[in-house]
Amino acid sequence: MAGGEDTDGPTEQARELPSAIGRFEVRSLAGIGGTSIIYSAWDGEYQRPVAIKLLRHDRSTRRDTQARFLREAKTMARLDHPNIVRIYEVGTHEGQVFLALEYVQGKTLREWVELEQPAVSEIIKRYLDAGRALEAAHAASVMHRDFKPDNVLLGDDGRVRVLDFGLARSTRGTDNFQTLENLTPGLRDALAEGPELLATIGFSGTPAYKSLEQHFGRPTDPRADQFAFCVTVWEALYGERPFAGRSASEIARAIEAGKIKAPPADRSAAVPRRVQSVLQRGLAAERIDRWASMTELLAELEVASRAGLFARLLGALRGD
């Protein structure tokens, strides 16, 4: 449930599999990410599998990393939506913060698109579900700030779930842990150990999916998530991202200039033009030129998808 670099530090830490983390029985190592180690575990109290996300030893002294962990915990605990990975508990293990998350057996949407090469209508359907997770987060005054295909899981149960709200922050610019302490066991202890970890990170996200305001460190609002969502859907539909660039600065310049690459001809023919138009508006350099909200964007994308499907069915009946 996380990706990133692998170094000697996390390898050594992962080699010694803990028998338990908090009240959870550790079963196996699931993965090593840039800031954390993921374990598959068992929740004996509720008789369910869980994913444990434990901060890496070599990152545990960095305040910004610990702040991200705590921010992810409090953000996800506030969000109750079928398309958002649930967080069950927050606690500490040998002085390190851990998250106990809903265990999802499946693959990322990036893997799903690459392996199964689904139809355009199926891609849009899955991403509409992911978009509804962002919509719900925005309604709760929370931005994701790092939406990308690797942060969206398609479970074997067929349900889409967005994860990794570690870069999220309140759209109101304030944070309130009081309610969360009542909802999430162990958080009070975690905060007691590091109350100074409430600082937020202003510059974040993955360059290929970041909006212009994120690239330049300007103030952001939910329309930054909208931009990332449109980059992600564009990539899934056309097989490449809309803005060229081998570095963050090159990508930022392309966005600023509005230089959206022409989609490959073979892919473009399969995508309704109205869908492309909807995405292009969401990819506007200036946030004021994008859709007013995820709700409006999703409504337009759904209508455009259905209209395109109807047109293709009609054409097939006519023998076009």
C-alpha atoms as a PDB file:
ATOM      1  CA  MET A   1       0.000   0.000   0.000  1.00  0.00           C
ATOM      2  CA  ALA A   2       2.996   2.264  -0.320  1.00  0.00           C
ATOM      3  CA  GLY A   3       5.876   2.734  -2.722  1.00  0.00           C
ATOM      4  CA  GLY A   4       9.306   4.279  -2.661  1.00  0.00           C
ATOM      5  CA  GLU A   5      13.007   3.704  -2.358  1.00  0.00           C
ATOM      6  CA  ASP A   6      14.608   0.806  -0.533  1.00  0.00           C
ATOM      7  CA  THR A   7      17.795   1.305   1.509  1.00  0.00           C
ATOM      8  CA  ASP A   8      19.845  -0.693   4.006  1.00  0.00           C
ATOM      9  CA  GLY A   9      17.936   0.885   6.895  1.00  0.00           C
ATOM     10  CA  PRO A  10      14.445  -0.378   6.095  1.00  0.00           C
ATOM     11  CA  THR A  11      15.807  -3.727   4.848  1.00  0.00           C
ATOM     12  CA  GLU A  12      17.398  -4.392   8.222  1.00  0.00           C
ATOM     13  CA  GLN A  13      14.291  -3.267  10.053  1.00  0.00           C
ATOM     14  CA  ALA A  14      12.026  -5.413   7.874  1.00  0.00           C
ATOM     15  CA  ARG A  15      14.226  -8.487   8.347  1.00  0.00           C
ATOM     16  CA  GLU A  16      13.215  -8.678  12.012  1.00  0.00           C
ATOM     17  CA  LEU A  17       9.500  -9.324  11.727  1.00  0.00           C
ATOM     18  CA  PRO A  18       7.763  -8.205  14.923  1.00  0.00           C
ATOM     19  CA  SER A  19       5.343 -10.692  16.400  1.00  0.00           C
ATOM     20  CA  ALA A  20       2.875  -7.942  17.173  1.00  0.00           C
ATOM     21  CA  ILE A  21       2.391  -4.225  16.707  1.00  0.00           C
ATOM     22  CA  GLY A  22       0.034  -2.880  19.304  1.00  0.00           C
ATOM     23  CA  ARG A  23      -2.766  -5.425  19.649  1.00  0.00           C
ATOM     24  CA  PHE A  24      -2.299  -6.656  16.076  1.00  0.00           C
ATOM     25  CA  GLU A  25      -0.651  -9.984  15.239  1.00  0.00           C
ATOM     26  CA  VAL A  26       1.862  -9.461  12.443  1.00  0.00           C
ATOM     27  CA  ARG A  27       1.623 -12.104   9.706  1.00  0.00           C
ATOM     28  CA  SER A  28       4.050 -10.984   6.994  1.00  0.00           C
ATOM     29  CA  LEU A  29       5.921  -8.124   5.378  1.00  0.00           C
ATOM     30  CA  ALA A  30       3.733  -6.553   2.676  1.00  0.00           C
ATOM     31  CA  GLY A  31       6.019  -3.831   1.354  1.00  0.00           C
ATOM     32  CA  ILE A  32       8.613  -1.136   1.998  1.00  0.00           C
ATOM     33  CA  GLY A  33       7.824   2.445   1.083  1.00  0.00           C
ATOM     34  CA  GLY A  34       9.643   5.736   1.036  1.00  0.00           C
ATOM     35  CA  THR A  35       8.673   6.538   4.619  1.00  0.00           C
ATOM     36  CA  SER A  36       7.127   3.370   6.013  1.00  0.00           C
ATOM     37  CA  ILE A  37       7.071  -0.408   6.203  1.00  0.00           C
ATOM     38  CA  ILE A  38       3.776  -2.174   5.540  1.00  0.00           C
ATOM     39  CA  TYR A  39       2.836  -5.381   7.323  1.00  0.00           C
ATOM     40  CA  SER A  40      -0.065  -7.737   6.833  1.00  0.00           C
ATOM     41  CA  ALA A  41      -1.567  -8.381  10.237  1.00  0.00           C
ATOM     42  CA  TRP A  42      -4.571  -9.846  12.032  1.00  0.00           C
ATOM     43  CA  ASP A  43      -6.979  -8.012  14.297  1.00  0.00           C
ATOM     44  CA  GLY A  44      -8.015 -10.677  16.799  1.00  0.00           C
ATOM     45  CA  GLU A  45     -10.513  -8.430  18.539  1.00  0.00           C
ATOM     46  CA  TYR A  46     -12.586  -7.844  15.417  1.00  0.00           C
ATOM     47  CA  GLN A  47     -11.491 -10.971  13.520  1.00  0.00           C
ATOM     48  CA  ARG A  48     -10.324  -9.168  10.396  1.00  0.00           C
ATOM     49  CA  PRO A  49      -7.144  -8.676   8.386  1.00  0.00           C
ATOM     50  CA  VAL A  50      -5.461  -5.275   8.602  1.00  0.00           C
ATOM     51  CA  ALA A  51      -2.546  -3.471   7.017  1.00  0.00           C
ATOM     52  CA  ILE A  52      -0.104  -1.927   9.487  1.00  0.00           C
ATOM     53  CA  LYS A  53       1.831   1.098   8.278  1.00  0.00           C
ATOM     54  CA  LEU A  54       4.861   1.630  10.529  1.00  0.00           C
ATOM     55  CA  LEU A  55       7.274   4.523  10.203  1.00  0.00           C
ATOM     56  CA  ARG A  56      10.756   3.445   9.142  1.00  0.00           C
ATOM     57  CA  HIS A  57      13.558   3.710  11.722  1.00  0.00           C
ATOM     58  CA  ASP A  58      15.708   5.760   9.349  1.00  0.00           C
ATOM     59  CA  ARG A  59      12.898   8.296   8.930  1.00  0.00           C
ATOM     60  CA  SER A  60      11.565   8.345  12.477  1.00  0.00           C
ATOM     61  CA  THR A  61      13.730  11.284  13.579  1.00  0.00           C
ATOM     62  CA  ARG A  62      12.417  13.571  10.853  1.00  0.00           C
ATOM     63  CA  ARG A  63       9.707  15.800  12.211  1.00  0.00           C
ATOM     64  CA  ASP A  64       8.099  16.401   8.831  1.00  0.00           C
ATOM     65  CA  THR A  65       7.766  12.640   8.247  1.00  0.00           C
ATOM     66  CA  GLN A  66       6.189  12.035  11.641  1.00  0.00           C
ATOM     67  CA  ALA A  67       3.924  15.005  11.054  1.00  0.00           C
ATOM     68  CA  ARG A  68       2.811  13.456   7.788  1.00  0.00           C
ATOM     69  CA  PHE A  69       2.022  10.195   9.544  1.00  0.00           C
ATOM     70  CA  LEU A  70      -0.095  11.878  12.192  1.00  0.00           C
ATOM     71  CA  ARG A  71      -1.758  14.054   9.588  1.00  0.00           C
ATOM     72  CA  GLU A  72      -2.637  10.972   7.543  1.00  0.00           C
ATOM     73  CA  ALA A  73      -4.142   9.376  10.632  1.00  0.00           C
ATOM     74  CA  LYS A  74      -6.349  12.241  11.626  1.00  0.00           C
ATOM     75  CA  THR A  75      -7.381  12.962   8.050  1.00  0.00           C
ATOM     76  CA  MET A  76      -8.441   9.432   7.193  1.00  0.00           C
ATOM     77  CA  ALA A  77     -10.222   8.957  10.502  1.00  0.00           C
ATOM     78  CA  ARG A  78     -12.431  11.911   9.633  1.00  0.00           C
ATOM     79  CA  LEU A  79     -13.452  10.407   6.315  1.00  0.00           C
ATOM     80  CA  ASP A  80     -16.083   7.678   6.177  1.00  0.00           C
ATOM     81  CA  HIS A  81     -16.727   6.813   2.545  1.00  0.00           C
ATOM     82  CA  PRO A  82     -16.872   3.489   0.644  1.00  0.00           C
ATOM     83  CA  ASN A  83     -14.184   4.689  -1.772  1.00  0.00           C
ATOM     84  CA  ILE A  84     -11.664   5.724   0.895  1.00  0.00           C
ATOM     85  CA  VAL A  85      -9.427   3.239   2.702  1.00  0.00           C
ATOM     86  CA  ARG A  86     -10.490   3.199   6.341  1.00  0.00           C
ATOM     87  CA  ILE A  87      -8.139   3.732   9.249  1.00  0.00           C
ATOM     88  CA  TYR A  88      -8.998   1.611  12.276  1.00  0.00           C
ATOM     89  CA  GLU A  89      -6.457   2.694  14.839  1.00  0.00           C
ATOM     90  CA  VAL A  90      -3.412   4.857  15.513  1.00  0.00           C
ATOM     91  CA  GLY A  91      -0.801   4.006  18.092  1.00  0.00           C
ATOM     92  CA  THR A  92       2.875   3.764  18.876  1.00  0.00           C
ATOM     93  CA  HIS A  93       5.219   0.781  18.663  1.00  0.00           C
ATOM     94  CA  GLU A  94       8.645   1.133  20.273  1.00  0.00           C
ATOM     95  CA  GLY A  95       8.327   4.894  20.030  1.00  0.00           C
ATOM     96  CA  GLN A  96       7.161   4.928  16.410  1.00  0.00           C
ATOM     97  CA  VAL A  97       3.741   5.887  15.129  1.00  0.00           C
ATOM     98  CA  PHE A  98       1.761   3.219  13.291  1.00  0.00           C
ATOM     99  CA  LEU A  99      -1.538   3.153  11.447  1.00  0.00           C
ATOM    100  CA  ALA A 100      -3.847   0.139  11.324  1.00  0.00           C
ATOM    101  CA  LEU A 101      -5.656   0.345   7.995  1.00  0.00           C
ATOM    102  CA  GLU A 102      -8.335  -1.531   6.136  1.00  0.00           C
ATOM    103  CA  TYR A 103      -6.636  -4.380   4.287  1.00  0.00           C
ATOM    104  CA  VAL A 104      -7.443  -4.308   0.580  1.00  0.00           C
ATOM    105  CA  GLN A 105      -6.561  -7.276  -1.604  1.00  0.00           C
ATOM    106  CA  GLY A 106      -6.227  -6.031  -5.161  1.00  0.00           C
ATOM    107  CA  LYS A 107      -4.148  -3.818  -7.422  1.00  0.00           C
ATOM    108  CA  THR A 108      -3.613  -0.129  -8.083  1.00  0.00           C
ATOM    109  CA  LEU A 109      -5.541   1.482 -10.912  1.00  0.00           C
ATOM    110  CA  ARG A 110      -2.236   1.969 -12.720  1.00  0.00           C
ATOM    111  CA  GLU A 111      -1.610  -1.788 -12.574  1.00  0.00           C
ATOM    112  CA  TRP A 112      -5.207  -2.544 -13.538  1.00  0.00           C
ATOM    113  CA  VAL A 113      -5.050  -0.349 -16.655  1.00  0.00           C
ATOM    114  CA  GLU A 114      -1.661  -1.706 -17.729  1.00  0.00           C
ATOM    115  CA  LEU A 115      -2.488  -5.367 -17.159  1.00  0.00           C
ATOM    116  CA  GLU A 116      -6.103  -5.568 -18.289  1.00  0.00           C
ATOM    117  CA  GLN A 117      -6.290  -2.729 -20.837  1.00  0.00           C
ATOM    118  CA  PRO A 118      -9.946  -2.087 -20.016  1.00  0.00           C
ATOM    119  CA  ALA A 119     -12.408  -0.259 -22.241  1.00  0.00           C
ATOM    120  CA  VAL A 120     -12.693   3.508 -22.020  1.00  0.00           C
ATOM    121  CA  SER A 121     -16.079   3.264 -20.332  1.00  0.00           C
ATOM    122  CA  GLU A 122     -14.652   0.959 -17.636  1.00  0.00           C
ATOM    123  CA  ILE A 123     -11.716   3.280 -16.976  1.00  0.00           C
ATOM    124  CA  ILE A 124     -14.013   6.248 -16.552  1.00  0.00           C
ATOM    125  CA  LYS A 125     -16.347   4.254 -14.325  1.00  0.00           C
ATOM    126  CA  ARG A 126     -13.514   3.341 -11.944  1.00  0.00           C
ATOM    127  CA  TYR A 127     -12.143   6.852 -11.851  1.00  0.00           C
ATOM    128  CA  LEU A 128     -15.579   8.317 -11.225  1.00  0.00           C
ATOM    129  CA  ASP A 129     -15.602   6.237  -8.049  1.00  0.00           C
ATOM    130  CA  ALA A 130     -12.166   7.545  -7.118  1.00  0.00           C
ATOM    131  CA  GLY A 131     -13.340  11.060  -7.864  1.00  0.00           C
ATOM    132  CA  ARG A 132     -16.251  10.609  -5.481  1.00  0.00           C
ATOM    133  CA  ALA A 133     -13.734   9.880  -2.737  1.00  0.00           C
ATOM    134  CA  LEU A 134     -12.096  13.245  -3.430  1.00  0.00           C
ATOM    135  CA  GLU A 135     -15.520  14.856  -3.555  1.00  0.00           C
ATOM    136  CA  ALA A 136     -16.309  13.456  -0.102  1.00  0.00           C
ATOM    137  CA  ALA A 137     -12.958  14.619   1.235  1.00  0.00           C
ATOM    138  CA  HIS A 138     -13.537  18.122  -0.087  1.00  0.00           C
ATOM    139  CA  ALA A 139     -16.985  18.165   1.512  1.00  0.00           C
ATOM    140  CA  ALA A 140     -15.199  17.445   4.803  1.00  0.00           C
ATOM    141  CA  SER A 141     -12.799  20.331   4.087  1.00  0.00           C
ATOM    142  CA  VAL A 142      -9.887  18.011   3.326  1.00  0.00           C
ATOM    143  CA  MET A 143      -7.602  18.033   0.296  1.00  0.00           C
ATOM    144  CA  HIS A 144      -5.587  14.987  -0.737  1.00  0.00           C
ATOM    145  CA  ARG A 145      -2.732  16.870  -2.491  1.00  0.00           C
ATOM    146  CA  ASP A 146      -1.084  13.737  -3.920  1.00  0.00           C
ATOM    147  CA  PHE A 147      -3.749  12.028  -6.007  1.00  0.00           C
ATOM    148  CA  LYS A 148      -2.288   9.664  -8.637  1.00  0.00           C
ATOM    149  CA  PRO A 149      -3.025   6.170 -10.012  1.00  0.00           C
ATOM    150  CA  ASP A 150      -0.667   4.556  -7.503  1.00  0.00           C
ATOM    151  CA  ASN A 151      -2.800   5.925  -4.653  1.00  0.00           C
ATOM    152  CA  VAL A 152      -6.007   4.310  -5.883  1.00  0.00           C
ATOM    153  CA  LEU A 153      -6.703   0.617  -5.278  1.00  0.00           C
ATOM    154  CA  LEU A 154      -9.151  -1.620  -7.096  1.00  0.00           C
ATOM    155  CA  GLY A 155     -10.008  -4.362  -4.650  1.00  0.00           C
ATOM    156  CA  ASP A 156     -10.715  -7.915  -5.656  1.00  0.00           C
ATOM    157  CA  ASP A 157     -14.226  -7.146  -4.401  1.00  0.00           C
ATOM    158  CA  GLY A 158     -14.598  -4.680  -7.288  1.00  0.00           C
ATOM    159  CA  ARG A 159     -14.589  -1.576  -5.078  1.00  0.00           C
ATOM    160  CA  VAL A 160     -12.284   1.368  -5.711  1.00  0.00           C
ATOM    161  CA  ARG A 161     -10.545   2.940  -2.724  1.00  0.00           C
ATOM    162  CA  VAL A 162      -8.326   6.019  -2.487  1.00  0.00           C
ATOM    163  CA  LEU A 163      -5.472   5.844   0.005  1.00  0.00           C
ATOM    164  CA  ASP A 164      -2.455   7.759   1.260  1.00  0.00           C
ATOM    165  CA  PHE A 165      -3.889  10.992   2.548  1.00  0.00           C
ATOM    166  CA  GLY A 166      -0.496  11.646   4.138  1.00  0.00           C
ATOM    167  CA  LEU A 167      -0.079  14.966   2.342  1.00  0.00           C
ATOM    168  CA  ALA A 168      -3.619  16.065   3.022  1.00  0.00           C
ATOM    169  CA  ARG A 169      -4.478  19.179   4.956  1.00  0.00           C
ATOM    170  CA  SER A 170      -7.613  21.021   5.923  1.00  0.00           C
ATOM    171  CA  THR A 171      -9.029  23.382   3.321  1.00  0.00           C
ATOM    172  CA  ARG A 172      -9.935  25.669   6.224  1.00  0.00           C
ATOM    173  CA  GLY A 173      -6.294  25.954   7.181  1.00  0.00           C
ATOM    174  CA  THR A 174      -6.941  24.648  10.696  1.00  0.00           C
ATOM    175  CA  ASP A 175      -6.791  21.263  12.382  1.00  0.00           C
ATOM    176  CA  ASN A 176      -8.786  19.936  15.315  1.00  0.00           C
ATOM    177  CA  PHE A 177      -7.698  16.733  17.047  1.00  0.00           C
ATOM    178  CA  GLN A 178     -10.283  16.829  19.798  1.00  0.00           C
ATOM    179  CA  THR A 179     -12.931  14.830  17.948  1.00  0.00           C
ATOM    180  CA  LEU A 180     -10.365  12.433  16.506  1.00  0.00           C
ATOM    181  CA  GLU A 181      -9.046  11.552  19.958  1.00  0.00           C
ATOM    182  CA  ASN A 182     -12.485  10.200  20.753  1.00  0.00           C
ATOM    183  CA  LEU A 183     -12.663   8.234  17.506  1.00  0.00           C
ATOM    184  CA  THR A 184      -9.176   6.769  17.244  1.00  0.00           C
ATOM    185  CA  PRO A 185      -7.566   4.720  20.049  1.00  0.00           C
ATOM    186  CA  GLY A 186      -3.940   5.547  20.773  1.00  0.00           C
ATOM    187  CA  LEU A 187      -3.834   8.959  19.149  1.00  0.00           C
ATOM    188  CA  ARG A 188      -3.707  10.830  22.457  1.00  0.00           C
ATOM    189  CA  ASP A 189      -0.517   8.955  23.370  1.00  0.00           C
ATOM    190  CA  ALA A 190       1.016   9.605  19.963  1.00  0.00           C
ATOM    191  CA  LEU A 191       0.310  13.313  20.233  1.00  0.00           C
ATOM    192  CA  ALA A 192       1.605  13.412  23.796  1.00  0.00           C
ATOM    193  CA  GLU A 193       4.944  12.099  22.548  1.00  0.00           C
ATOM    194  CA  GLY A 194       5.210  14.697  19.823  1.00  0.00           C
ATOM    195  CA  PRO A 195       2.731  17.574  20.022  1.00  0.00           C
ATOM    196  CA  GLU A 196       5.090  19.718  17.955  1.00  0.00           C
ATOM    197  CA  LEU A 197       4.458  17.377  15.019  1.00  0.00           C
ATOM    198  CA  LEU A 198       1.305  19.216  14.053  1.00  0.00           C
ATOM    199  CA  ALA A 199       3.189  21.422  11.594  1.00  0.00           C
ATOM    200  CA  THR A 200       2.046  21.169   7.993  1.00  0.00           C
ATOM    201  CA  ILE A 201       4.145  20.859   4.851  1.00  0.00           C
ATOM    202  CA  GLY A 202       3.446  23.529   2.287  1.00  0.00           C
ATOM    203  CA  PHE A 203       5.264  22.034  -0.714  1.00  0.00           C
ATOM    204  CA  SER A 204       4.170  18.516  -1.556  1.00  0.00           C
ATOM    205  CA  GLY A 205       2.869  16.095  -4.130  1.00  0.00           C
ATOM    206  CA  THR A 206       4.231  14.128  -7.071  1.00  0.00           C
ATOM    207  CA  PRO A 207       5.586  16.466  -9.801  1.00  0.00           C
ATOM    208  CA  ALA A 208       3.911  14.702 -12.743  1.00  0.00           C
ATOM    209  CA  TYR A 209       0.464  15.190 -11.161  1.00  0.00           C
ATOM    210  CA  LYS A 210       0.907  18.493  -9.353  1.00  0.00           C
ATOM    211  CA  SER A 211      -1.008  21.608 -10.272  1.00  0.00           C
ATOM    212  CA  LEU A 212       0.832  24.799 -11.207  1.00  0.00           C
ATOM    213  CA  GLU A 213       0.099  26.325  -7.807  1.00  0.00           C
ATOM    214  CA  GLN A 214       1.690  23.316  -6.096  1.00  0.00           C
ATOM    215  CA  HIS A 215       4.756  23.507  -8.329  1.00  0.00           C
ATOM    216  CA  PHE A 216       5.221  27.172  -7.436  1.00  0.00           C
ATOM    217  CA  GLY A 217       4.349  26.797  -3.758  1.00  0.00           C
ATOM    218  CA  ARG A 218       1.314  29.041  -4.050  1.00  0.00           C
ATOM    219  CA  PRO A 219      -1.837  28.753  -1.909  1.00  0.00           C
ATOM    220  CA  THR A 220      -3.968  25.773  -2.936  1.00  0.00           C
ATOM    221  CA  ASP A 221      -7.605  24.782  -2.747  1.00  0.00           C
ATOM    222  CA  PRO A 222      -9.525  21.614  -3.791  1.00  0.00           C
ATOM    223  CA  ARG A 223      -9.036  22.483  -7.447  1.00  0.00           C
ATOM    224  CA  ALA A 224      -5.444  21.230  -7.088  1.00  0.00           C
ATOM    225  CA  ASP A 225      -6.885  17.747  -6.499  1.00  0.00           C
ATOM    226  CA  GLN A 226      -9.106  18.291  -9.526  1.00  0.00           C
ATOM    227  CA  PHE A 227      -6.028  18.976 -11.664  1.00  0.00           C
ATOM    228  CA  ALA A 228      -4.286  15.808 -10.433  1.00  0.00           C
ATOM    229  CA  PHE A 229      -7.438  13.804 -11.042  1.00  0.00           C
ATOM    230  CA  CYS A 230      -7.626  14.995 -14.652  1.00  0.00           C
ATOM    231  CA  VAL A 231      -3.934  14.231 -15.254  1.00  0.00           C
ATOM    232  CA  THR A 232      -4.529  10.737 -13.891  1.00  0.00           C
ATOM    233  CA  VAL A 233      -7.627  10.032 -15.982  1.00  0.00           C
ATOM    234  CA  TRP A 234      -5.944  11.463 -19.088  1.00  0.00           C
ATOM    235  CA  GLU A 235      -2.985   9.144 -18.562  1.00  0.00           C
ATOM    236  CA  ALA A 236      -5.261   6.125 -18.109  1.00  0.00           C
ATOM    237  CA  LEU A 237      -7.227   6.898 -21.277  1.00  0.00           C
ATOM    238  CA  TYR A 238      -4.392   7.951 -23.571  1.00  0.00           C
ATOM    239  CA  GLY A 239      -1.431   6.012 -22.197  1.00  0.00           C
ATOM    240  CA  GLU A 240       0.593   9.143 -21.477  1.00  0.00           C
ATOM    241  CA  ARG A 241       0.332  12.226 -19.320  1.00  0.00           C
ATOM    242  CA  PRO A 242      -0.887  15.508 -20.821  1.00  0.00           C
ATOM    243  CA  PHE A 243       2.202  17.625 -20.108  1.00  0.00           C
ATOM    244  CA  ALA A 244       5.681  16.780 -21.370  1.00  0.00           C
ATOM    245  CA  GLY A 245       8.740  17.191 -19.195  1.00  0.00           C
ATOM    246  CA  ARG A 246      11.568  15.161 -17.711  1.00  0.00           C
ATOM    247  CA  SER A 247      11.866  17.345 -14.640  1.00  0.00           C
ATOM    248  CA  ALA A 248       9.494  19.195 -12.333  1.00  0.00           C
ATOM    249  CA  SER A 249      10.503  22.551 -13.815  1.00  0.00           C
ATOM    250  CA  GLU A 250       9.878  21.376 -17.393  1.00  0.00           C
ATOM    251  CA  ILE A 251       6.449  20.035 -16.435  1.00  0.00           C
ATOM    252  CA  ALA A 252       5.600  23.275 -14.634  1.00  0.00           C
ATOM    253  CA  ARG A 253       6.577  25.345 -17.688  1.00  0.00           C
ATOM    254  CA  ALA A 254       4.415  23.157 -19.944  1.00  0.00           C
ATOM    255  CA  ILE A 255       1.441  23.573 -17.605  1.00  0.00           C
ATOM    256  CA  GLU A 256       1.958  27.320 -17.380  1.00  0.00           C
ATOM    257  CA  ALA A 257       2.069  27.569 -21.178  1.00  0.00           C
ATOM    258  CA  GLY A 258      -1.023  25.386 -21.544  1.00  0.00           C
ATOM    259  CA  LYS A 259       0.875  22.957 -23.768  1.00  0.00           C
ATOM    260  CA  ILE A 260      -1.293  19.854 -23.554  1.00  0.00           C
ATOM    261  CA  LYS A 261       0.157  17.154 -25.787  1.00  0.00           C
ATOM    262  CA  ALA A 262      -2.015  15.847 -28.592  1.00  0.00           C
ATOM    263  CA  PRO A 263      -3.142  12.332 -27.607  1.00  0.00           C
ATOM    264  CA  PRO A 264      -1.917   9.381 -29.703  1.00  0.00           C
ATOM    265  CA  ALA A 265      -4.212   8.955 -32.686  1.00  0.00           C
ATOM    266  CA  ASP A 266      -5.120   5.350 -31.915  1.00  0.00           C
ATOM    267  CA  ARG A 267      -6.084   6.176 -28.322  1.00  0.00           C
ATOM    268  CA  SER A 268      -7.812   9.428 -29.212  1.00  0.00           C
ATOM    269  CA  ALA A 269     -10.210   7.710 -31.570  1.00  0.00           C
ATOM    270  CA  ALA A 270     -11.562   5.606 -28.710  1.00  0.00           C
ATOM    271  CA  VAL A 271     -12.164   8.504 -26.317  1.00  0.00           C
ATOM    272  CA  PRO A 272     -15.254  10.715 -26.845  1.00  0.00           C
ATOM    273  CA  ARG A 273     -14.284  14.287 -27.693  1.00  0.00           C
ATOM    274  CA  ARG A 274     -16.578  15.571 -24.990  1.00  0.00           C
ATOM    275  CA  VAL A 275     -14.638  13.568 -22.403  1.00  0.00           C
ATOM    276  CA  GLN A 276     -11.423  15.133 -23.645  1.00  0.00           C
ATOM    277  CA  SER A 277     -12.940  18.591 -23.365  1.00  0.00           C
ATOM    278  CA  VAL A 278     -14.045  17.953 -19.783  1.00  0.00           C
ATOM    279  CA  LEU A 279     -10.542  16.872 -18.816  1.00  0.00           C
ATOM    280  CA  GLN A 280      -8.884  19.774 -20.625  1.00  0.00           C
ATOM    281  CA  ARG A 281     -10.825  22.269 -18.552  1.00  0.00           C
ATOM    282  CA  GLY A 282      -9.710  20.509 -15.374  1.00  0.00           C
ATOM    283  CA  LEU A 283      -6.118  20.791 -16.625  1.00  0.00           C
ATOM    284  CA  ALA A 284      -6.188  24.586 -16.886  1.00  0.00           C
ATOM    285  CA  ALA A 285      -3.079  26.270 -15.523  1.00  0.00           C
ATOM    286  CA  GLU A 286      -5.046  28.748 -13.443  1.00  0.00           C
ATOM    287  CA  ARG A 287      -7.400  27.192 -10.937  1.00  0.00           C
ATOM    288  CA  ILE A 288     -10.087  29.792 -11.631  1.00  0.00           C
ATOM    289  CA  ASP A 289     -10.380  28.353 -15.161  1.00  0.00           C
ATOM    290  CA  ARG A 290     -11.030  24.797 -13.945  1.00  0.00           C
ATOM    291  CA  TRP A 291     -14.345  23.322 -12.883  1.00  0.00           C
ATOM    292  CA  ALA A 292     -15.832  24.964  -9.816  1.00  0.00           C
ATOM    293  CA  SER A 293     -15.732  21.698  -7.850  1.00  0.00           C
ATOM    294  CA  MET A 294     -15.173  17.965  -8.092  1.00  0.00           C
ATOM    295  CA  THR A 295     -18.943  17.572  -8.010  1.00  0.00           C
ATOM    296  CA  GLU A 296     -19.319  19.608 -11.195  1.00  0.00           C
ATOM    297  CA  LEU A 297     -16.381  17.881 -12.874  1.00  0.00           C
ATOM    298  CA  LEU A 298     -17.682  14.391 -12.083  1.00  0.00           C
ATOM    299  CA  ALA A 299     -21.174  15.246 -13.294  1.00  0.00           C
ATOM    300  CA  GLU A 300     -19.815  16.540 -16.604  1.00  0.00           C
ATOM    301  CA  LEU A 301     -17.467  13.574 -17.023  1.00  0.00           C
ATOM    302  CA  GLU A 302     -20.255  11.078 -16.397  1.00  0.00           C
ATOM    303  CA  VAL A 303     -22.566  12.779 -18.894  1.00  0.00           C
ATOM    304  CA  ALA A 304     -19.768  13.014 -21.469  1.00  0.00           C
ATOM    305  CA  SER A 305     -18.970   9.327 -21.059  1.00  0.00           C
ATOM    306  CA  ARG A 306     -22.583   8.249 -21.472  1.00  0.00           C
ATOM    307  CA  ALA A 307     -23.077  10.524 -24.475  1.00  0.00           C
ATOM    308  CA  GLY A 308     -19.978   9.087 -26.111  1.00  0.00           C
ATOM    309  CA  LEU A 309     -21.104   5.521 -25.472  1.00  0.00           C
ATOM    310  CA  PHE A 310     -24.538   6.256 -26.913  1.00  0.00           C
ATOM    311  CA  ALA A 311     -22.995   7.825 -30.008  1.00  0.00           C
ATOM    312  CA  ARG A 312     -20.795   4.774 -30.584  1.00  0.00           C
ATOM    313  CA  LEU A 313     -23.703   2.366 -30.150  1.00  0.00           C
ATOM    314  CA  LEU A 314     -25.783   4.403 -32.584  1.00  0.00           C
ATOM    315  CA  GLY A 315     -22.910   4.430 -35.067  1.00  0.00           C
ATOM    316  CA  ALA A 316     -22.527   0.679 -34.760  1.00  0.00           C
ATOM    317  CA  LEU A 317     -26.232   0.176 -35.476  1.00  0.00           C
ATOM    318  CA  ARG A 318     -25.961   2.362 -38.543  1.00  0.00           C
ATOM    319  CA  GLY A 319     -22.850   0.563 -39.695  1.00  0.00           C
ATOM    320  CA  ASP A 320     -20.672   3.702 -39.492  1.00  0.00           C
END
